[in-house]
Amino acid sequence: MELFFSQILDGLSIGSVLLLAATGLSIVFGLMGVINLAHGELMMLGAYVTFVVQSLFKPMGGVIFELYFPVALVLSFIVTALVGVLLERTLIRQLYGRPLETLLATWGVSLILIQLVRSISSAMLMGILIAVALGFLGTRLLRLKIGDKPFFPYLYGVTWAIAGVIGLVSVNALSAIRPLASAWFGPRNIDVTAPKWLQGSWGKIGGIELPGIRIFIILLSIVLLLAMVWFLTKSAWGLRIRAVTQNRQMSNCLGIPTDRVDSITFGIGSGLAGVAGCAITLLGSVGPNLGAAYIVSCFMVIVLGGVGNLLGTILASLILGIIQSVVGSGSLLIVFPNLPPAAKGVVEFFATTSMSLVLVFIFIIAFLQFRPNGMFPQKGRSVEA
């Protein structure tokens, strides 16, 4: 029985990670109707930010190294939030109201981010910075000189194309210098060492040990969830986000800056994904393909819980996390060894990580037959329309 409760605790920690990631995705999807397939890669960026912070703190050792993880949490949120805002302002904003194009565009962004992490080097980074700087300066000068001309959009695209070519040439030239050409991370998985205060047990309850890492992840999700509830219900921008979610046209007429609301919402959602990626580093090694393992689960949480509903996201993430942990680990066979042969065969069939996901799919499909809009469907004038 101790094993069973231990697996439930593991499921709660997995569900907490899904909660952090799916909350941001649910808010973005509920507000803007954007299906962001790059959300998993934002989690991956948060994990790599944690690895970089650990590498910077490791030479210092001692007490300073023990403080690297709180710093990594903050930086993971900031970095991924900035990436999310940049993505919304440059790409997503051009595709509102076109869900299929948004779906394909964010999928392309996810592939770019995966390959970027695999092959990023000092030479590549310098080439990207050169291309971006030339692109911004060139288009700014063009806007000042001929911004009112009908052929300006064509020259705008040509300028960015020329800047990209110059950036590629710069990467090739700089790659001739061996120290600049070596990849930072490569395609292999990386490992993050948890600080000592997270390792081991944080006590026992009824003979069951409470692993520090699992308890910390659960507490972290609770704290961030409470912060999100306060932000959405008490802060001015939170009220604006809720207003835009309910009725975008009316909010725009009342003077609410919906464009800025979109950027802030996308940034917060991306930042929560980065924090989730930071938490994932405590559960095992991470790699460039980390996002693909979680993006499907995040969308399943949204579908099951109801789009944009915080309570539904909480319950759905915990349910899916517990199902994957308890069923996928096969602990039911140990806790209940005298199951009937038919039930035992079913449990054995689903007692793997991949098959537990299949069971989750079956559960969701069956549930949606009775509640097509999830446990807590979205309400408001926009839905009724």
Protein backbone atom coordinates (compact mmCIF):
# COMPACT_ATOMS: atom_id res chain seq x y z
CA MET A 1 0.00 0.00 0.00
CA GLU A 2 2.94 2.34 0.65
CA LEU A 3 4.00 1.84 -2.97
CA PHE A 4 0.51 2.78 -4.13
CA PHE A 5 0.48 6.05 -2.16
CA SER A 6 4.00 6.77 -3.34
CA GLN A 7 2.82 6.45 -6.94
CA ILE A 8 -0.10 8.76 -6.18
CA LEU A 9 2.41 11.31 -4.86
CA ASP A 10 4.42 10.92 -8.05
CA GLY A 11 1.23 11.40 -10.03
CA LEU A 12 0.46 14.59 -8.13
CA SER A 13 3.92 15.95 -8.96
CA ILE A 14 3.49 15.06 -12.65
CA GLY A 15 0.04 16.62 -12.55
CA SER A 16 1.54 19.75 -10.98
CA VAL A 17 3.97 20.10 -13.91
CA LEU A 18 1.07 19.63 -16.34
CA LEU A 19 -0.88 22.23 -14.37
CA LEU A 20 1.89 24.82 -14.72
CA ALA A 21 2.21 24.20 -18.46
CA ALA A 22 -1.49 23.78 -19.25
CA THR A 23 -2.56 26.87 -17.29
CA GLY A 24 -0.59 29.15 -19.58
CA LEU A 25 -1.75 27.28 -22.67
CA SER A 26 -5.37 27.37 -21.49
CA ILE A 27 -5.30 31.12 -20.89
CA VAL A 28 -3.78 31.80 -24.30
CA PHE A 29 -6.19 29.47 -26.07
CA GLY A 30 -9.19 30.81 -24.18
CA LEU A 31 -8.28 34.46 -24.79
CA MET A 32 -6.94 34.49 -28.35
CA GLY A 33 -8.08 31.15 -29.77
CA VAL A 34 -4.46 30.40 -30.68
CA ILE A 35 -3.42 26.74 -30.79
CA ASN A 36 0.25 27.15 -29.89
CA LEU A 37 2.10 23.98 -30.86
CA ALA A 38 5.37 25.64 -29.79
CA HIS A 39 4.26 25.67 -26.15
CA GLY A 40 6.14 22.45 -25.43
CA GLU A 41 9.32 23.95 -26.88
CA LEU A 42 8.93 26.91 -24.51
CA MET A 43 9.01 24.34 -21.70
CA MET A 44 12.18 22.98 -23.27
CA LEU A 45 13.72 26.48 -23.29
CA GLY A 46 12.92 26.83 -19.58
CA ALA A 47 14.71 23.54 -18.91
CA TYR A 48 17.80 24.67 -20.82
CA VAL A 49 17.81 28.02 -19.01
CA THR A 50 17.94 26.01 -15.77
CA PHE A 51 20.88 24.00 -17.10
CA VAL A 52 22.75 27.18 -18.06
CA VAL A 53 22.13 28.78 -14.64
CA GLN A 54 23.34 25.61 -12.94
CA SER A 55 26.51 25.64 -15.07
CA LEU A 56 27.18 29.27 -14.11
CA PHE A 57 26.66 28.64 -10.39
CA LYS A 58 28.52 25.33 -10.20
CA PRO A 59 32.08 26.78 -10.10
CA MET A 60 31.10 28.92 -7.11
CA GLY A 61 30.10 25.87 -5.06
CA GLY A 62 28.96 25.90 -1.47
CA VAL A 63 25.99 27.95 -0.36
CA ILE A 64 25.91 29.98 -3.57
CA PHE A 65 25.39 26.88 -5.69
CA GLU A 66 22.49 25.85 -3.43
CA LEU A 67 20.70 29.05 -4.45
CA TYR A 68 20.88 28.43 -8.19
CA PHE A 69 17.43 26.84 -8.51
CA PRO A 70 15.36 29.82 -7.26
CA VAL A 71 17.37 32.02 -9.64
CA ALA A 72 16.72 29.52 -12.45
CA LEU A 73 12.97 29.62 -11.74
CA VAL A 74 12.88 33.41 -12.10
CA LEU A 75 15.09 33.48 -15.19
CA SER A 76 13.14 30.64 -16.84
CA PHE A 77 9.95 32.66 -16.47
CA ILE A 78 11.54 35.88 -17.73
CA VAL A 79 13.34 34.36 -20.72
CA THR A 80 10.42 32.30 -21.98
CA ALA A 81 7.99 35.18 -21.35
CA LEU A 82 10.15 37.46 -23.51
CA VAL A 83 10.31 34.78 -26.21
CA GLY A 84 6.53 34.46 -26.04
CA VAL A 85 6.00 38.22 -26.36
CA LEU A 86 8.40 38.32 -29.32
CA LEU A 87 6.56 35.41 -30.95
CA GLU A 88 3.18 37.09 -30.45
CA ARG A 89 4.28 40.47 -31.77
CA THR A 90 6.12 39.17 -34.83
CA LEU A 91 4.11 36.13 -35.92
CA ILE A 92 0.93 35.34 -34.00
CA ARG A 93 -0.44 38.88 -34.33
CA GLN A 94 -0.41 38.57 -38.11
CA LEU A 95 -2.50 35.39 -38.03
CA TYR A 96 -5.42 36.15 -35.67
CA GLY A 97 -8.66 34.70 -36.97
CA ARG A 98 -6.79 32.15 -39.11
CA PRO A 99 -6.49 29.09 -36.87
CA LEU A 100 -5.09 26.72 -39.49
CA GLU A 101 -2.29 29.11 -40.44
CA THR A 102 -1.54 29.72 -36.75
CA LEU A 103 -1.39 25.98 -36.13
CA LEU A 104 1.09 25.45 -38.97
CA ALA A 105 3.15 28.53 -38.07
CA THR A 106 3.59 27.55 -34.42
CA TRP A 107 4.47 24.01 -35.49
CA GLY A 108 7.19 25.50 -37.69
CA VAL A 109 8.39 27.60 -34.74
CA SER A 110 8.59 24.44 -32.61
CA LEU A 111 10.78 22.73 -35.22
CA ILE A 112 13.01 25.80 -35.44
CA LEU A 113 13.45 25.94 -31.65
CA ILE A 114 14.29 22.23 -31.49
CA GLN A 115 16.95 22.54 -34.17
CA LEU A 116 18.22 25.78 -32.66
CA VAL A 117 18.88 24.12 -29.31
CA ARG A 118 20.56 21.18 -31.01
CA SER A 119 22.97 23.26 -33.11
CA ILE A 120 23.28 26.65 -31.37
CA SER A 121 26.87 27.85 -31.09
CA SER A 122 28.61 31.17 -30.49
CA ALA A 123 29.04 31.62 -34.25
CA MET A 124 25.35 30.97 -34.90
CA LEU A 125 24.27 33.32 -32.12
CA MET A 126 26.46 36.11 -33.45
CA GLY A 127 25.11 35.55 -36.98
CA ILE A 128 21.51 35.70 -35.72
CA LEU A 129 22.20 38.93 -33.83
CA ILE A 130 23.82 40.46 -36.91
CA ALA A 131 20.83 39.51 -39.09
CA VAL A 132 18.28 40.83 -36.58
CA ALA A 133 20.17 44.10 -36.08
CA LEU A 134 20.51 44.71 -39.81
CA GLY A 135 16.87 43.79 -40.40
CA PHE A 136 15.54 46.17 -37.77
CA LEU A 137 17.82 49.05 -38.76
CA GLY A 138 17.12 48.60 -42.46
CA THR A 139 13.35 48.41 -42.12
CA ARG A 140 13.34 51.37 -39.73
CA LEU A 141 15.22 53.53 -42.21
CA LEU A 142 12.91 52.43 -45.01
CA ARG A 143 9.86 53.26 -42.91
CA LEU A 144 11.18 56.76 -42.28
CA LYS A 145 12.03 57.38 -45.94
CA ILE A 146 9.32 55.60 -47.96
CA GLY A 147 6.91 54.24 -45.37
CA ASP A 148 3.94 55.78 -47.21
CA LYS A 149 4.79 54.31 -50.61
CA PRO A 150 2.69 51.42 -51.97
CA PHE A 151 5.78 49.31 -52.68
CA PHE A 152 7.07 49.61 -49.10
CA PRO A 153 5.83 46.12 -47.99
CA TYR A 154 7.83 44.48 -50.79
CA LEU A 155 11.03 46.35 -49.87
CA TYR A 156 10.34 45.49 -46.23
CA GLY A 157 10.45 41.77 -47.03
CA VAL A 158 13.48 42.16 -49.32
CA THR A 159 15.35 43.97 -46.54
CA TRP A 160 14.76 41.14 -44.09
CA ALA A 161 15.78 38.60 -46.74
CA ILE A 162 19.07 40.44 -47.36
CA ALA A 163 19.68 40.67 -43.61
CA GLY A 164 19.09 36.90 -43.34
CA VAL A 165 21.58 36.18 -46.12
CA ILE A 166 24.18 38.39 -44.45
CA GLY A 167 23.54 36.56 -41.20
CA LEU A 168 24.09 33.16 -42.88
CA VAL A 169 27.33 34.38 -44.46
CA SER A 170 28.45 35.65 -41.05
CA VAL A 171 27.70 32.26 -39.45
CA ASN A 172 29.76 30.45 -42.11
CA ALA A 173 32.65 32.88 -41.69
CA LEU A 174 32.65 32.71 -37.91
CA SER A 175 32.34 28.91 -37.93
CA ALA A 176 35.89 28.77 -39.29
CA ILE A 177 37.02 29.73 -35.78
CA ARG A 178 36.92 26.45 -33.86
CA PRO A 179 36.02 27.82 -30.38
CA LEU A 180 33.03 29.63 -31.90
CA ALA A 181 31.86 26.67 -33.97
CA SER A 182 31.31 24.11 -31.20
CA ALA A 183 27.66 23.50 -30.23
CA TRP A 184 26.62 24.52 -26.75
CA PHE A 185 24.23 21.65 -26.01
CA GLY A 186 24.07 19.25 -28.94
CA PRO A 187 21.38 16.62 -29.51
CA ARG A 188 22.07 14.65 -26.34
CA ASN A 189 20.02 14.87 -23.17
CA ILE A 190 21.32 16.98 -20.31
CA ASP A 191 21.11 16.42 -16.57
CA VAL A 192 20.46 18.99 -13.87
CA THR A 193 21.65 18.29 -10.34
CA ALA A 194 19.09 19.24 -7.71
CA PRO A 195 20.45 21.29 -4.79
CA LYS A 196 20.97 19.41 -1.56
CA TRP A 197 17.98 21.01 0.14
CA LEU A 198 15.74 19.34 -2.45
CA GLN A 199 17.36 15.92 -2.31
CA GLY A 200 16.27 13.16 0.03
CA SER A 201 13.12 13.05 2.11
CA TRP A 202 11.25 15.90 3.80
CA GLY A 203 9.70 13.66 6.42
CA LYS A 204 7.16 10.86 6.64
CA ILE A 205 3.41 10.57 6.89
CA GLY A 206 2.14 7.19 8.06
CA GLY A 207 5.41 5.49 7.14
CA ILE A 208 5.40 6.99 3.63
CA GLU A 209 8.44 9.11 2.82
CA LEU A 210 7.85 12.53 1.28
CA PRO A 211 10.49 13.10 -1.43
CA GLY A 212 11.73 16.67 -1.33
CA ILE A 213 11.64 17.14 -5.09
CA ARG A 214 8.06 15.93 -5.47
CA ILE A 215 6.78 18.01 -2.54
CA PHE A 216 8.61 21.09 -3.83
CA ILE A 217 7.03 20.77 -7.29
CA ILE A 218 3.57 20.42 -5.76
CA LEU A 219 4.13 23.45 -3.48
CA LEU A 220 5.54 25.45 -6.40
CA SER A 221 2.43 24.78 -8.49
CA ILE A 222 0.19 25.78 -5.58
CA VAL A 223 2.06 29.06 -5.05
CA LEU A 224 2.02 29.96 -8.74
CA LEU A 225 -1.63 28.97 -9.04
CA LEU A 226 -2.57 31.27 -6.16
CA ALA A 227 -0.51 34.03 -7.75
CA MET A 228 -2.37 33.54 -11.04
CA VAL A 229 -5.74 33.62 -9.27
CA TRP A 230 -4.78 36.87 -7.53
CA PHE A 231 -3.50 38.35 -10.80
CA LEU A 232 -6.63 37.46 -12.77
CA THR A 233 -9.11 38.56 -10.09
CA LYS A 234 -7.45 41.49 -8.28
CA SER A 235 -5.00 43.23 -10.61
CA ALA A 236 -6.01 45.74 -13.27
CA TRP A 237 -4.44 43.79 -16.10
CA GLY A 238 -6.01 40.59 -14.85
CA LEU A 239 -9.45 42.20 -15.02
CA ARG A 240 -8.67 43.39 -18.54
CA ILE A 241 -7.65 39.89 -19.56
CA ARG A 242 -10.92 38.49 -18.21
CA ALA A 243 -12.88 41.20 -19.99
CA VAL A 244 -11.21 40.50 -23.32
CA THR A 245 -11.80 36.78 -22.83
CA GLN A 246 -15.53 37.41 -22.32
CA ASN A 247 -16.04 39.90 -25.14
CA ARG A 248 -13.14 41.23 -27.20
CA GLN A 249 -15.18 43.66 -29.32
CA MET A 250 -16.88 45.30 -26.34
CA SER A 251 -13.56 45.54 -24.46
CA ASN A 252 -12.00 47.26 -27.45
CA CYS A 253 -14.88 49.73 -27.61
CA LEU A 254 -14.44 50.53 -23.90
CA GLY A 255 -10.81 51.51 -24.44
CA ILE A 256 -9.05 48.37 -23.22
CA PRO A 257 -5.80 47.96 -25.22
CA THR A 258 -6.54 44.47 -26.54
CA ASP A 259 -3.25 44.25 -28.45
CA ARG A 260 -1.29 44.83 -25.26
CA VAL A 261 -3.53 42.41 -23.39
CA ASP A 262 -2.70 39.75 -26.00
CA SER A 263 1.04 40.33 -25.59
CA ILE A 264 0.87 40.21 -21.79
CA THR A 265 -1.28 37.09 -21.84
CA PHE A 266 0.99 35.30 -24.28
CA GLY A 267 4.02 36.33 -22.23
CA ILE A 268 2.52 35.04 -18.97
CA GLY A 269 1.46 31.77 -20.60
CA SER A 270 4.93 31.30 -22.06
CA GLY A 271 6.56 32.17 -18.73
CA LEU A 272 4.50 29.50 -16.95
CA ALA A 273 5.67 27.01 -19.57
CA GLY A 274 9.26 28.00 -18.78
CA VAL A 275 8.70 27.43 -15.07
CA ALA A 276 7.20 24.02 -15.86
CA GLY A 277 10.32 23.20 -17.89
CA CYS A 278 12.47 24.26 -14.96
CA ALA A 279 10.51 21.91 -12.68
CA ILE A 280 10.85 19.04 -15.18
CA THR A 281 14.64 19.13 -14.82
CA LEU A 282 14.18 17.84 -11.27
CA LEU A 283 12.35 14.74 -12.51
CA GLY A 284 14.95 13.48 -15.00
CA SER A 285 17.17 14.34 -17.92
CA VAL A 286 15.85 16.68 -20.60
CA GLY A 287 16.63 17.11 -24.28
CA PRO A 288 15.58 19.00 -27.42
CA ASN A 289 12.52 16.75 -27.87
CA LEU A 290 11.18 17.47 -24.39
CA GLY A 291 8.23 19.50 -25.66
CA ALA A 292 6.76 16.69 -27.75
CA ALA A 293 6.36 14.56 -24.63
CA TYR A 294 4.21 17.17 -22.85
CA ILE A 295 2.33 19.21 -25.46
CA VAL A 296 -0.21 16.45 -26.13
CA SER A 297 -0.84 16.00 -22.40
CA CYS A 298 -1.32 19.76 -22.01
CA PHE A 299 -3.97 19.83 -24.73
CA MET A 300 -5.67 16.82 -23.16
CA VAL A 301 -5.85 18.76 -19.88
CA ILE A 302 -7.47 21.71 -21.67
CA VAL A 303 -10.00 19.54 -23.49
CA LEU A 304 -10.93 17.63 -20.35
CA GLY A 305 -11.07 20.61 -18.02
CA GLY A 306 -12.72 23.13 -20.32
CA VAL A 307 -11.06 25.90 -22.29
CA GLY A 308 -9.95 28.83 -20.16
CA ASN A 309 -11.33 27.42 -16.89
CA LEU A 310 -8.78 27.41 -14.07
CA LEU A 311 -10.63 24.94 -11.81
CA GLY A 312 -11.12 22.51 -14.69
CA THR A 313 -7.42 22.77 -15.58
CA ILE A 314 -6.46 21.92 -11.99
CA LEU A 315 -8.70 18.88 -11.74
CA ALA A 316 -7.88 17.58 -15.22
CA SER A 317 -4.12 17.88 -14.74
CA LEU A 318 -4.20 16.04 -11.40
CA ILE A 319 -6.46 13.30 -12.81
CA LEU A 320 -4.21 12.72 -15.83
CA GLY A 321 -1.04 12.83 -13.74
CA ILE A 322 -2.35 10.23 -11.29
CA ILE A 323 -3.63 7.94 -14.07
CA GLN A 324 -0.28 8.04 -15.89
CA SER A 325 1.71 7.41 -12.70
CA VAL A 326 -0.44 4.74 -11.02
CA VAL A 327 -1.40 2.78 -14.15
CA GLY A 328 1.81 3.28 -16.13
CA SER A 329 4.04 2.10 -13.29
CA GLY A 330 2.18 -1.17 -12.84
CA SER A 331 1.87 -0.60 -9.08
CA LEU A 332 -1.75 -1.78 -9.16
CA LEU A 333 -0.49 -5.32 -9.79
CA ILE A 334 1.63 -5.16 -6.62
CA VAL A 335 -1.00 -3.51 -4.44
CA PHE A 336 -3.79 -5.81 -5.64
CA PRO A 337 -2.09 -9.15 -6.49
CA ASN A 338 -5.36 -11.13 -6.36
CA LEU A 339 -7.13 -9.37 -9.19
CA PRO A 340 -9.34 -11.53 -11.42
CA PRO A 341 -7.51 -12.82 -14.51
CA ALA A 342 -9.47 -10.56 -16.87
CA ALA A 343 -8.81 -7.43 -14.81
CA LYS A 344 -5.18 -8.42 -14.32
CA GLY A 345 -4.72 -8.80 -18.08
CA VAL A 346 -6.16 -5.34 -18.69
CA VAL A 347 -3.90 -3.77 -16.04
CA GLU A 348 -0.83 -5.51 -17.48
CA PHE A 349 -1.74 -4.33 -20.97
CA PHE A 350 -1.79 -0.67 -19.89
CA ALA A 351 1.13 -0.93 -17.42
CA THR A 352 3.59 1.06 -19.55
CA THR A 353 4.12 4.78 -20.02
CA SER A 354 2.93 4.80 -23.63
CA MET A 355 -0.09 2.58 -23.01
CA SER A 356 -1.10 4.63 -19.99
CA LEU A 357 -1.43 7.57 -22.38
CA VAL A 358 -3.69 5.42 -24.54
CA LEU A 359 -5.83 4.75 -21.48
CA VAL A 360 -5.99 8.48 -20.84
CA PHE A 361 -7.18 9.02 -24.42
CA ILE A 362 -9.88 6.38 -23.96
CA PHE A 363 -10.97 8.01 -20.70
CA ILE A 364 -11.20 11.46 -22.32
CA ILE A 365 -13.11 10.16 -25.35
CA ALA A 366 -15.62 8.41 -23.09
CA PHE A 367 -15.96 11.48 -20.87
CA LEU A 368 -16.55 13.83 -23.80
CA GLN A 369 -19.48 11.73 -24.93
CA PHE A 370 -21.34 13.03 -21.88
CA ARG A 371 -19.63 16.45 -21.49
CA PRO A 372 -18.53 17.59 -24.96
CA ASN A 373 -17.26 20.96 -23.66
CA GLY A 374 -15.24 19.54 -20.77
CA MET A 375 -15.89 19.50 -17.05
CA PHE A 376 -16.31 23.27 -16.83
CA PRO A 377 -17.27 24.71 -20.24
CA GLN A 378 -16.50 28.33 -21.02
CA LYS A 379 -19.35 30.81 -20.58
CA GLY A 380 -19.97 34.31 -21.80
CA ARG A 381 -21.42 36.33 -24.67
CA SER A 382 -18.59 35.28 -26.99
CA VAL A 383 -19.47 31.63 -26.49
CA GLU A 384 -23.18 32.17 -26.96
CA ALA A 385 -22.49 34.05 -30.19
